[in-house]
Amino acid sequence: MRNSTKKALRESCTDTLVALAINVPLNFVLISSAFALKLNAVETTIYLTAVFTVTAIIRKTYIRLLFDKKYGRKDGQNRQTQPN
């Protein structure tokens, strides 16, 4: 397996595990609040989708920045492979 493939796989697995750790407790909180607000099925779906989408965008941004910093990349590029 190529080094870049290993790095991408490591980033994907890390992001998925972080998402699991965030989303499970968040789901309990959101469902409880949806019940407390007496939202119907459609409203609950929209509510959960909106919150999980914003959470995913924020989480993925920070994970990508972390891995770019870890591997010394700038703007998603590996500095060592840039042409002169």
Foldseek 3Di string as FASTA:
>chain_A
DDPVVVLVVVLVVVLVVVCVVPVPVVVVVLVVVCVVVVPDPVRSVVSVVVVSVVVSVVSSVVSVVVSCVVQVHDPPDRPVPDDD
